[in-house]
PDB file of all heavy atoms in Angstrom:
ATOM      1  N   VAL A   1      16.973  -4.686  -3.328  1.00  0.00           N
ATOM      2  CA  VAL A   1      15.802  -4.062  -3.959  1.00  0.00           C
ATOM      3  C   VAL A   1      14.823  -5.132  -4.426  1.00  0.00           C
ATOM      4  O   VAL A   1      13.599  -4.969  -4.310  1.00  0.00           O
ATOM      5  CB  VAL A   1      16.241  -3.151  -5.133  1.00  0.00           C
ATOM      6  CG1 VAL A   1      15.032  -2.678  -5.936  1.00  0.00           C
ATOM      7  CG2 VAL A   1      17.010  -1.945  -4.611  1.00  0.00           C
ATOM      8  N   ASP A   2      15.351  -6.225  -4.938  1.00  0.00           N
ATOM      9  CA  ASP A   2      14.485  -7.325  -5.397  1.00  0.00           C
ATOM     10  C   ASP A   2      13.682  -7.934  -4.256  1.00  0.00           C
ATOM     11  O   ASP A   2      12.584  -8.465  -4.464  1.00  0.00           O
ATOM     12  CB  ASP A   2      15.335  -8.415  -6.064  1.00  0.00           C
ATOM     13  CG  ASP A   2      15.864  -7.982  -7.424  1.00  0.00           C
ATOM     14  OD1 ASP A   2      15.351  -6.985  -7.973  1.00  0.00           O
ATOM     15  OD2 ASP A   2      16.808  -8.628  -7.933  1.00  0.00           O
ATOM     16  N   GLU A   3      14.243  -7.852  -3.032  1.00  0.00           N
ATOM     17  CA  GLU A   3      13.576  -8.456  -1.881  1.00  0.00           C
ATOM     18  C   GLU A   3      12.618  -7.492  -1.175  1.00  0.00           C
ATOM     19  O   GLU A   3      11.799  -7.913  -0.355  1.00  0.00           O
ATOM     20  CB  GLU A   3      14.629  -8.937  -0.860  1.00  0.00           C
ATOM     21  CG  GLU A   3      15.506 -10.077  -1.363  1.00  0.00           C
ATOM     22  CD  GLU A   3      16.556 -10.470  -0.327  1.00  0.00           C
ATOM     23  OE1 GLU A   3      16.310 -10.240   0.875  1.00  0.00           O
ATOM     24  OE2 GLU A   3      17.608 -10.994  -0.722  1.00  0.00           O
ATOM     25  N   MET A   4      12.709  -6.219  -1.489  1.00  0.00           N
ATOM     26  CA  MET A   4      11.919  -5.213  -0.769  1.00  0.00           C
ATOM     27  C   MET A   4      10.489  -5.129  -1.295  1.00  0.00           C
ATOM     28  O   MET A   4      10.246  -5.243  -2.498  1.00  0.00           O
ATOM     29  CB  MET A   4      12.587  -3.836  -0.882  1.00  0.00           C
ATOM     30  CG  MET A   4      13.923  -3.741  -0.175  1.00  0.00           C
ATOM     31  SD  MET A   4      14.785  -2.170  -0.507  1.00  0.00           S
ATOM     32  CE  MET A   4      13.877  -1.050   0.571  1.00  0.00           C
ATOM     33  N   THR A   5       9.566  -4.881  -0.379  1.00  0.00           N
ATOM     34  CA  THR A   5       8.183  -4.626  -0.778  1.00  0.00           C
ATOM     35  C   THR A   5       8.065  -3.168  -1.226  1.00  0.00           C
ATOM     36  O   THR A   5       8.952  -2.342  -0.967  1.00  0.00           O
ATOM     37  CB  THR A   5       7.227  -4.859   0.397  1.00  0.00           C
ATOM     38  OG1 THR A   5       7.494  -3.880   1.412  1.00  0.00           O
ATOM     39  CG2 THR A   5       7.400  -6.267   0.975  1.00  0.00           C
ATOM     40  N   LEU A   6       6.968  -2.827  -1.859  1.00  0.00           N
ATOM     41  CA  LEU A   6       6.749  -1.458  -2.293  1.00  0.00           C
ATOM     42  C   LEU A   6       6.722  -0.513  -1.093  1.00  0.00           C
ATOM     43  O   LEU A   6       7.298   0.586  -1.140  1.00  0.00           O
ATOM     44  CB  LEU A   6       5.438  -1.352  -3.078  1.00  0.00           C
ATOM     45  CG  LEU A   6       5.052   0.052  -3.564  1.00  0.00           C
ATOM     46  CD1 LEU A   6       6.155   0.660  -4.425  1.00  0.00           C
ATOM     47  CD2 LEU A   6       3.729  -0.010  -4.339  1.00  0.00           C
ATOM     48  N   ASP A   7       6.080  -0.918  -0.005  1.00  0.00           N
ATOM     49  CA  ASP A   7       6.043  -0.087   1.200  1.00  0.00           C
ATOM     50  C   ASP A   7       7.450   0.186   1.716  1.00  0.00           C
ATOM     51  O   ASP A   7       7.763   1.316   2.134  1.00  0.00           O
ATOM     52  CB  ASP A   7       5.222  -0.773   2.298  1.00  0.00           C
ATOM     53  CG  ASP A   7       3.736  -0.686   2.035  1.00  0.00           C
ATOM     54  OD1 ASP A   7       3.162   0.356   2.350  1.00  0.00           O
ATOM     55  OD2 ASP A   7       3.160  -1.652   1.511  1.00  0.00           O
ATOM     56  N   GLU A   8       8.292  -0.829   1.703  1.00  0.00           N
ATOM     57  CA  GLU A   8       9.657  -0.674   2.209  1.00  0.00           C
ATOM     58  C   GLU A   8      10.481   0.255   1.318  1.00  0.00           C
ATOM     59  O   GLU A   8      11.299   1.043   1.805  1.00  0.00           O
ATOM     60  CB  GLU A   8      10.329  -2.042   2.319  1.00  0.00           C
ATOM     61  CG  GLU A   8       9.780  -2.889   3.459  1.00  0.00           C
ATOM     62  CD  GLU A   8      10.305  -4.311   3.449  1.00  0.00           C
ATOM     63  OE1 GLU A   8      10.571  -4.843   2.339  1.00  0.00           O
ATOM     64  OE2 GLU A   8      10.452  -4.899   4.529  1.00  0.00           O
ATOM     65  N   LYS A   9      10.255   0.166   0.025  1.00  0.00           N
ATOM     66  CA  LYS A   9      10.981   1.039  -0.905  1.00  0.00           C
ATOM     67  C   LYS A   9      10.585   2.498  -0.701  1.00  0.00           C
ATOM     68  O   LYS A   9      11.435   3.396  -0.639  1.00  0.00           O
ATOM     69  CB  LYS A   9      10.713   0.613  -2.346  1.00  0.00           C
ATOM     70  CG  LYS A   9      11.321  -0.725  -2.726  1.00  0.00           C
ATOM     71  CD  LYS A   9      10.894  -1.154  -4.128  1.00  0.00           C
ATOM     72  CE  LYS A   9      11.451  -2.519  -4.483  1.00  0.00           C
ATOM     73  NZ  LYS A   9      10.999  -2.983  -5.823  1.00  0.00           N
ATOM     74  N   ILE A  10       9.289   2.733  -0.597  1.00  0.00           N
ATOM     75  CA  ILE A  10       8.820   4.117  -0.410  1.00  0.00           C
ATOM     76  C   ILE A  10       9.324   4.676   0.917  1.00  0.00           C
ATOM     77  O   ILE A  10       9.747   5.837   1.000  1.00  0.00           O
ATOM     78  CB  ILE A  10       7.283   4.181  -0.492  1.00  0.00           C
ATOM     79  CG1 ILE A  10       6.818   3.815  -1.906  1.00  0.00           C
ATOM     80  CG2 ILE A  10       6.782   5.577  -0.122  1.00  0.00           C
ATOM     81  CD1 ILE A  10       5.308   3.672  -2.053  1.00  0.00           C
ATOM     82  N   ALA A  11       9.321   3.820   1.958  1.00  0.00           N
ATOM     83  CA  ALA A  11       9.804   4.272   3.270  1.00  0.00           C
ATOM     84  C   ALA A  11      11.280   4.668   3.206  1.00  0.00           C
ATOM     85  O   ALA A  11      11.722   5.581   3.920  1.00  0.00           O
ATOM     86  CB  ALA A  11       9.601   3.170   4.303  1.00  0.00           C
ATOM     87  N   GLU A  12      12.031   3.996   2.356  1.00  0.00           N
ATOM     88  CA  GLU A  12      13.474   4.264   2.226  1.00  0.00           C
ATOM     89  C   GLU A  12      13.746   5.621   1.580  1.00  0.00           C
ATOM     90  O   GLU A  12      14.837   6.176   1.718  1.00  0.00           O
ATOM     91  CB  GLU A  12      14.119   3.146   1.394  1.00  0.00           C
ATOM     92  CG  GLU A  12      15.621   3.090   1.454  1.00  0.00           C
ATOM     93  CD  GLU A  12      16.149   2.755   2.841  1.00  0.00           C
ATOM     94  OE1 GLU A  12      15.463   2.023   3.594  1.00  0.00           O
ATOM     95  OE2 GLU A  12      17.232   3.249   3.173  1.00  0.00           O
ATOM     96  N   MET A  13      12.740   6.171   0.907  1.00  0.00           N
ATOM     97  CA  MET A  13      12.943   7.396   0.119  1.00  0.00           C
ATOM     98  C   MET A  13      12.641   8.674   0.903  1.00  0.00           C
ATOM     99  O   MET A  13      12.279   9.692   0.327  1.00  0.00           O
ATOM    100  CB  MET A  13      12.066   7.337  -1.135  1.00  0.00           C
ATOM    101  CG  MET A  13      12.519   6.260  -2.119  1.00  0.00           C
ATOM    102  SD  MET A  13      11.207   5.725  -3.254  1.00  0.00           S
ATOM    103  CE  MET A  13      10.619   7.280  -3.879  1.00  0.00           C
ATOM    104  N   THR A  14      12.793   8.607   2.233  1.00  0.00           N
ATOM    105  CA  THR A  14      12.604   9.797   3.066  1.00  0.00           C
ATOM    106  C   THR A  14      13.849  10.007   3.919  1.00  0.00           C
ATOM    107  O   THR A  14      14.583   9.054   4.215  1.00  0.00           O
ATOM    108  CB  THR A  14      11.387   9.650   3.995  1.00  0.00           C
ATOM    109  OG1 THR A  14      11.598   8.525   4.859  1.00  0.00           O
ATOM    110  CG2 THR A  14      10.119   9.451   3.210  1.00  0.00           C
ATOM    111  N   GLN A  15      14.091  11.263   4.329  1.00  0.00           N
ATOM    112  CA  GLN A  15      15.239  11.524   5.202  1.00  0.00           C
ATOM    113  C   GLN A  15      15.027  10.828   6.526  1.00  0.00           C
ATOM    114  O   GLN A  15      13.902  10.687   6.996  1.00  0.00           O
ATOM    115  CB  GLN A  15      15.460  13.035   5.373  1.00  0.00           C
ATOM    116  CG  GLN A  15      14.868  13.674   6.619  1.00  0.00           C
ATOM    117  CD  GLN A  15      13.366  13.901   6.525  1.00  0.00           C
ATOM    118  OE1 GLN A  15      12.705  13.552   5.547  1.00  0.00           O
ATOM    119  NE2 GLN A  15      12.812  14.499   7.572  1.00  0.00           N
ATOM    120  N   ASP A  16      16.135  10.373   7.125  1.00  0.00           N
ATOM    121  CA  ASP A  16      16.067   9.671   8.413  1.00  0.00           C
ATOM    122  C   ASP A  16      15.123   8.470   8.366  1.00  0.00           C
ATOM    123  O   ASP A  16      14.409   8.186   9.338  1.00  0.00           O
ATOM    124  CB  ASP A  16      15.606  10.624   9.533  1.00  0.00           C
ATOM    125  CG  ASP A  16      16.757  11.459  10.070  1.00  0.00           C
ATOM    126  OD1 ASP A  16      17.889  11.237   9.626  1.00  0.00           O
ATOM    127  OD2 ASP A  16      16.524  12.331  10.913  1.00  0.00           O
ATOM    128  N   ALA A  17      15.098   7.766   7.237  1.00  0.00           N
ATOM    129  CA  ALA A  17      14.247   6.571   7.155  1.00  0.00           C
ATOM    130  C   ALA A  17      14.654   5.597   8.258  1.00  0.00           C
ATOM    131  O   ALA A  17      15.844   5.339   8.455  1.00  0.00           O
ATOM    132  CB  ALA A  17      14.410   5.909   5.786  1.00  0.00           C
ATOM    133  N   PRO A  18      13.697   5.074   9.002  1.00  0.00           N
ATOM    134  CA  PRO A  18      14.054   4.155  10.095  1.00  0.00           C
ATOM    135  C   PRO A  18      14.695   2.878   9.562  1.00  0.00           C
ATOM    136  O   PRO A  18      14.516   2.511   8.397  1.00  0.00           O
ATOM    137  CB  PRO A  18      12.700   3.864  10.755  1.00  0.00           C
ATOM    138  CG  PRO A  18      11.682   4.164   9.696  1.00  0.00           C
ATOM    139  CD  PRO A  18      12.246   5.254   8.870  1.00  0.00           C
ATOM    140  N   ALA A  19      15.451   2.224  10.413  1.00  0.00           N
ATOM    141  CA  ALA A  19      16.099   0.974  10.007  1.00  0.00           C
ATOM    142  C   ALA A  19      15.043  -0.063   9.627  1.00  0.00           C
ATOM    143  O   ALA A  19      13.972  -0.130  10.233  1.00  0.00           O
ATOM    144  CB  ALA A  19      16.965   0.457  11.146  1.00  0.00           C
ATOM    145  N   ASN A  20      15.348  -0.843   8.611  1.00  0.00           N
ATOM    146  CA  ASN A  20      14.480  -1.938   8.178  1.00  0.00           C
ATOM    147  C   ASN A  20      14.987  -3.213   8.835  1.00  0.00           C
ATOM    148  O   ASN A  20      15.988  -3.799   8.406  1.00  0.00           O
ATOM    149  CB  ASN A  20      14.531  -2.049   6.650  1.00  0.00           C
ATOM    150  CG  ASN A  20      13.618  -3.122   6.097  1.00  0.00           C
ATOM    151  OD1 ASN A  20      13.447  -4.187   6.694  1.00  0.00           O
ATOM    152  ND2 ASN A  20      13.047  -2.857   4.933  1.00  0.00           N
ATOM    153  N   GLU A  21      14.322  -3.613   9.919  1.00  0.00           N
ATOM    154  CA  GLU A  21      14.783  -4.767  10.690  1.00  0.00           C
ATOM    155  C   GLU A  21      14.688  -6.055   9.882  1.00  0.00           C
ATOM    156  O   GLU A  21      15.544  -6.939   9.986  1.00  0.00           O
ATOM    157  CB  GLU A  21      13.960  -4.892  11.984  1.00  0.00           C
ATOM    158  CG  GLU A  21      14.029  -3.671  12.900  1.00  0.00           C
ATOM    159  CD  GLU A  21      15.411  -3.475  13.491  1.00  0.00           C
ATOM    160  OE1 GLU A  21      16.207  -4.434  13.473  1.00  0.00           O
ATOM    161  OE2 GLU A  21      15.692  -2.348  13.955  1.00  0.00           O
ATOM    162  N   ARG A  22      13.668  -6.189   9.064  1.00  0.00           N
ATOM    163  CA  ARG A  22      13.462  -7.436   8.307  1.00  0.00           C
ATOM    164  C   ARG A  22      14.626  -7.729   7.370  1.00  0.00           C
ATOM    165  O   ARG A  22      15.097  -8.864   7.277  1.00  0.00           O
ATOM    166  CB  ARG A  22      12.158  -7.338   7.496  1.00  0.00           C
ATOM    167  CG  ARG A  22      11.803  -8.627   6.758  1.00  0.00           C
ATOM    168  CD  ARG A  22      10.495  -8.479   6.011  1.00  0.00           C
ATOM    169  NE  ARG A  22      10.635  -7.741   4.769  1.00  0.00           N
ATOM    170  CZ  ARG A  22      10.992  -8.296   3.588  1.00  0.00           C
ATOM    171  NH1 ARG A  22      11.256  -9.589   3.525  1.00  0.00           N
ATOM    172  NH2 ARG A  22      11.073  -7.548   2.511  1.00  0.00           N
ATOM    173  N   LEU A  23      15.122  -6.676   6.694  1.00  0.00           N
ATOM    174  CA  LEU A  23      16.186  -6.877   5.711  1.00  0.00           C
ATOM    175  C   LEU A  23      17.545  -6.376   6.190  1.00  0.00           C
ATOM    176  O   LEU A  23      18.532  -6.446   5.450  1.00  0.00           O
ATOM    177  CB  LEU A  23      15.811  -6.166   4.398  1.00  0.00           C
ATOM    178  CG  LEU A  23      14.588  -6.730   3.676  1.00  0.00           C
ATOM    179  CD1 LEU A  23      14.218  -5.845   2.486  1.00  0.00           C
ATOM    180  CD2 LEU A  23      14.864  -8.156   3.210  1.00  0.00           C
ATOM    181  N   GLY A  24      17.589  -5.882   7.411  1.00  0.00           N
ATOM    182  CA  GLY A  24      18.874  -5.431   7.949  1.00  0.00           C
ATOM    183  C   GLY A  24      19.391  -4.156   7.307  1.00  0.00           C
ATOM    184  O   GLY A  24      20.605  -3.943   7.218  1.00  0.00           O
ATOM    185  N   ILE A  25      18.480  -3.278   6.859  1.00  0.00           N
ATOM    186  CA  ILE A  25      18.888  -2.006   6.244  1.00  0.00           C
ATOM    187  C   ILE A  25      19.027  -0.954   7.342  1.00  0.00           C
ATOM    188  O   ILE A  25      18.065  -0.687   8.070  1.00  0.00           O
ATOM    189  CB  ILE A  25      17.866  -1.544   5.192  1.00  0.00           C
ATOM    190  CG1 ILE A  25      17.732  -2.587   4.080  1.00  0.00           C
ATOM    191  CG2 ILE A  25      18.288  -0.195   4.606  1.00  0.00           C
ATOM    192  CD1 ILE A  25      16.622  -2.292   3.088  1.00  0.00           C
ATOM    193  N   PRO A  26      20.199  -0.348   7.478  1.00  0.00           N
ATOM    194  CA  PRO A  26      20.413   0.609   8.562  1.00  0.00           C
ATOM    195  C   PRO A  26      19.811   1.977   8.262  1.00  0.00           C
ATOM    196  O   PRO A  26      19.503   2.307   7.116  1.00  0.00           O
ATOM    197  CB  PRO A  26      21.944   0.706   8.631  1.00  0.00           C
ATOM    198  CG  PRO A  26      22.388   0.433   7.225  1.00  0.00           C
ATOM    199  CD  PRO A  26      21.405  -0.562   6.656  1.00  0.00           C
ATOM    200  N   ALA A  27      19.667   2.774   9.305  1.00  0.00           N
ATOM    201  CA  ALA A  27      19.219   4.165   9.151  1.00  0.00           C
ATOM    202  C   ALA A  27      20.412   5.032   8.749  1.00  0.00           C
ATOM    203  O   ALA A  27      21.570   4.679   8.970  1.00  0.00           O
ATOM    204  CB  ALA A  27      18.618   4.669  10.453  1.00  0.00           C
ATOM    205  N   MET A  28      20.120   6.174   8.138  1.00  0.00           N
ATOM    206  CA  MET A  28      21.149   7.143   7.758  1.00  0.00           C
ATOM    207  C   MET A  28      20.701   8.500   8.282  1.00  0.00           C
ATOM    208  O   MET A  28      19.804   9.128   7.733  1.00  0.00           O
ATOM    209  CB  MET A  28      21.327   7.179   6.232  1.00  0.00           C
ATOM    210  CG  MET A  28      22.384   8.156   5.746  1.00  0.00           C
ATOM    211  SD  MET A  28      22.779   7.951   3.971  1.00  0.00           S
ATOM    212  CE  MET A  28      21.201   8.392   3.211  1.00  0.00           C
ATOM    213  N   LYS A  29      21.325   8.943   9.379  1.00  0.00           N
ATOM    214  CA  LYS A  29      20.903  10.158  10.059  1.00  0.00           C
ATOM    215  C   LYS A  29      21.504  11.387   9.388  1.00  0.00           C
ATOM    216  O   LYS A  29      22.655  11.367   8.961  1.00  0.00           O
ATOM    217  CB  LYS A  29      21.329  10.096  11.524  1.00  0.00           C
ATOM    218  CG  LYS A  29      20.761  11.214  12.389  1.00  0.00           C
ATOM    219  CD  LYS A  29      21.148  11.003  13.847  1.00  0.00           C
ATOM    220  CE  LYS A  29      20.573  12.113  14.722  1.00  0.00           C
ATOM    221  NZ  LYS A  29      20.938  11.930  16.141  1.00  0.00           N
ATOM    222  N   TYR A  30      20.728  12.466   9.318  1.00  0.00           N
ATOM    223  CA  TYR A  30      21.210  13.675   8.649  1.00  0.00           C
ATOM    224  C   TYR A  30      21.413  14.818   9.625  1.00  0.00           C
ATOM    225  O   TYR A  30      20.912  14.823  10.751  1.00  0.00           O
ATOM    226  CB  TYR A  30      20.227  14.111   7.555  1.00  0.00           C
ATOM    227  CG  TYR A  30      19.034  14.903   8.061  1.00  0.00           C
ATOM    228  CD1 TYR A  30      19.035  16.286   8.006  1.00  0.00           C
ATOM    229  CD2 TYR A  30      17.916  14.269   8.596  1.00  0.00           C
ATOM    230  CE1 TYR A  30      17.944  17.026   8.469  1.00  0.00           C
ATOM    231  CE2 TYR A  30      16.827  14.991   9.060  1.00  0.00           C
ATOM    232  CZ  TYR A  30      16.844  16.370   8.996  1.00  0.00           C
ATOM    233  OH  TYR A  30      15.785  17.096   9.461  1.00  0.00           O
ATOM    234  N   GLY A  31      22.182  15.809   9.184  1.00  0.00           N
ATOM    235  CA  GLY A  31      22.388  17.040   9.935  1.00  0.00           C
ATOM    236  C   GLY A  31      22.869  18.130   8.994  1.00  0.00           C
ATOM    237  O   GLY A  31      23.088  17.880   7.804  1.00  0.00           O
ATOM    238  N   GLU A  32      23.022  19.320   9.492  1.00  0.00           N
ATOM    239  CA  GLU A  32      23.597  20.432   8.728  1.00  0.00           C
ATOM    240  C   GLU A  32      25.045  20.621   9.162  1.00  0.00           C
ATOM    241  O   GLU A  32      25.403  20.356  10.309  1.00  0.00           O
ATOM    242  CB  GLU A  32      22.810  21.720   8.974  1.00  0.00           C
ATOM    243  CG  GLU A  32      21.382  21.704   8.452  1.00  0.00           C
ATOM    244  CD  GLU A  32      21.282  21.929   6.949  1.00  0.00           C
ATOM    245  OE1 GLU A  32      22.332  22.168   6.314  1.00  0.00           O
ATOM    246  OE2 GLU A  32      20.153  21.878   6.423  1.00  0.00           O
ATOM    247  N   ALA A  33      25.888  21.124   8.250  1.00  0.00           N
ATOM    248  CA  ALA A  33      27.315  21.239   8.570  1.00  0.00           C
ATOM    249  C   ALA A  33      27.956  22.468   7.947  1.00  0.00           C
ATOM    250  O   ALA A  33      29.152  22.490   7.705  1.00  0.00           O
ATOM    251  CB  ALA A  33      28.045  19.975   8.103  1.00  0.00           C
TER     252      ALA A  33
END
């Protein structure tokens, strides 16, 4: 979190946020079950 920009933080706060290549943050895919 300390290394993330504001844009990167906001992008992380959505479903299916794309992977962050710069910081190596993976995507988390959703579905219904």
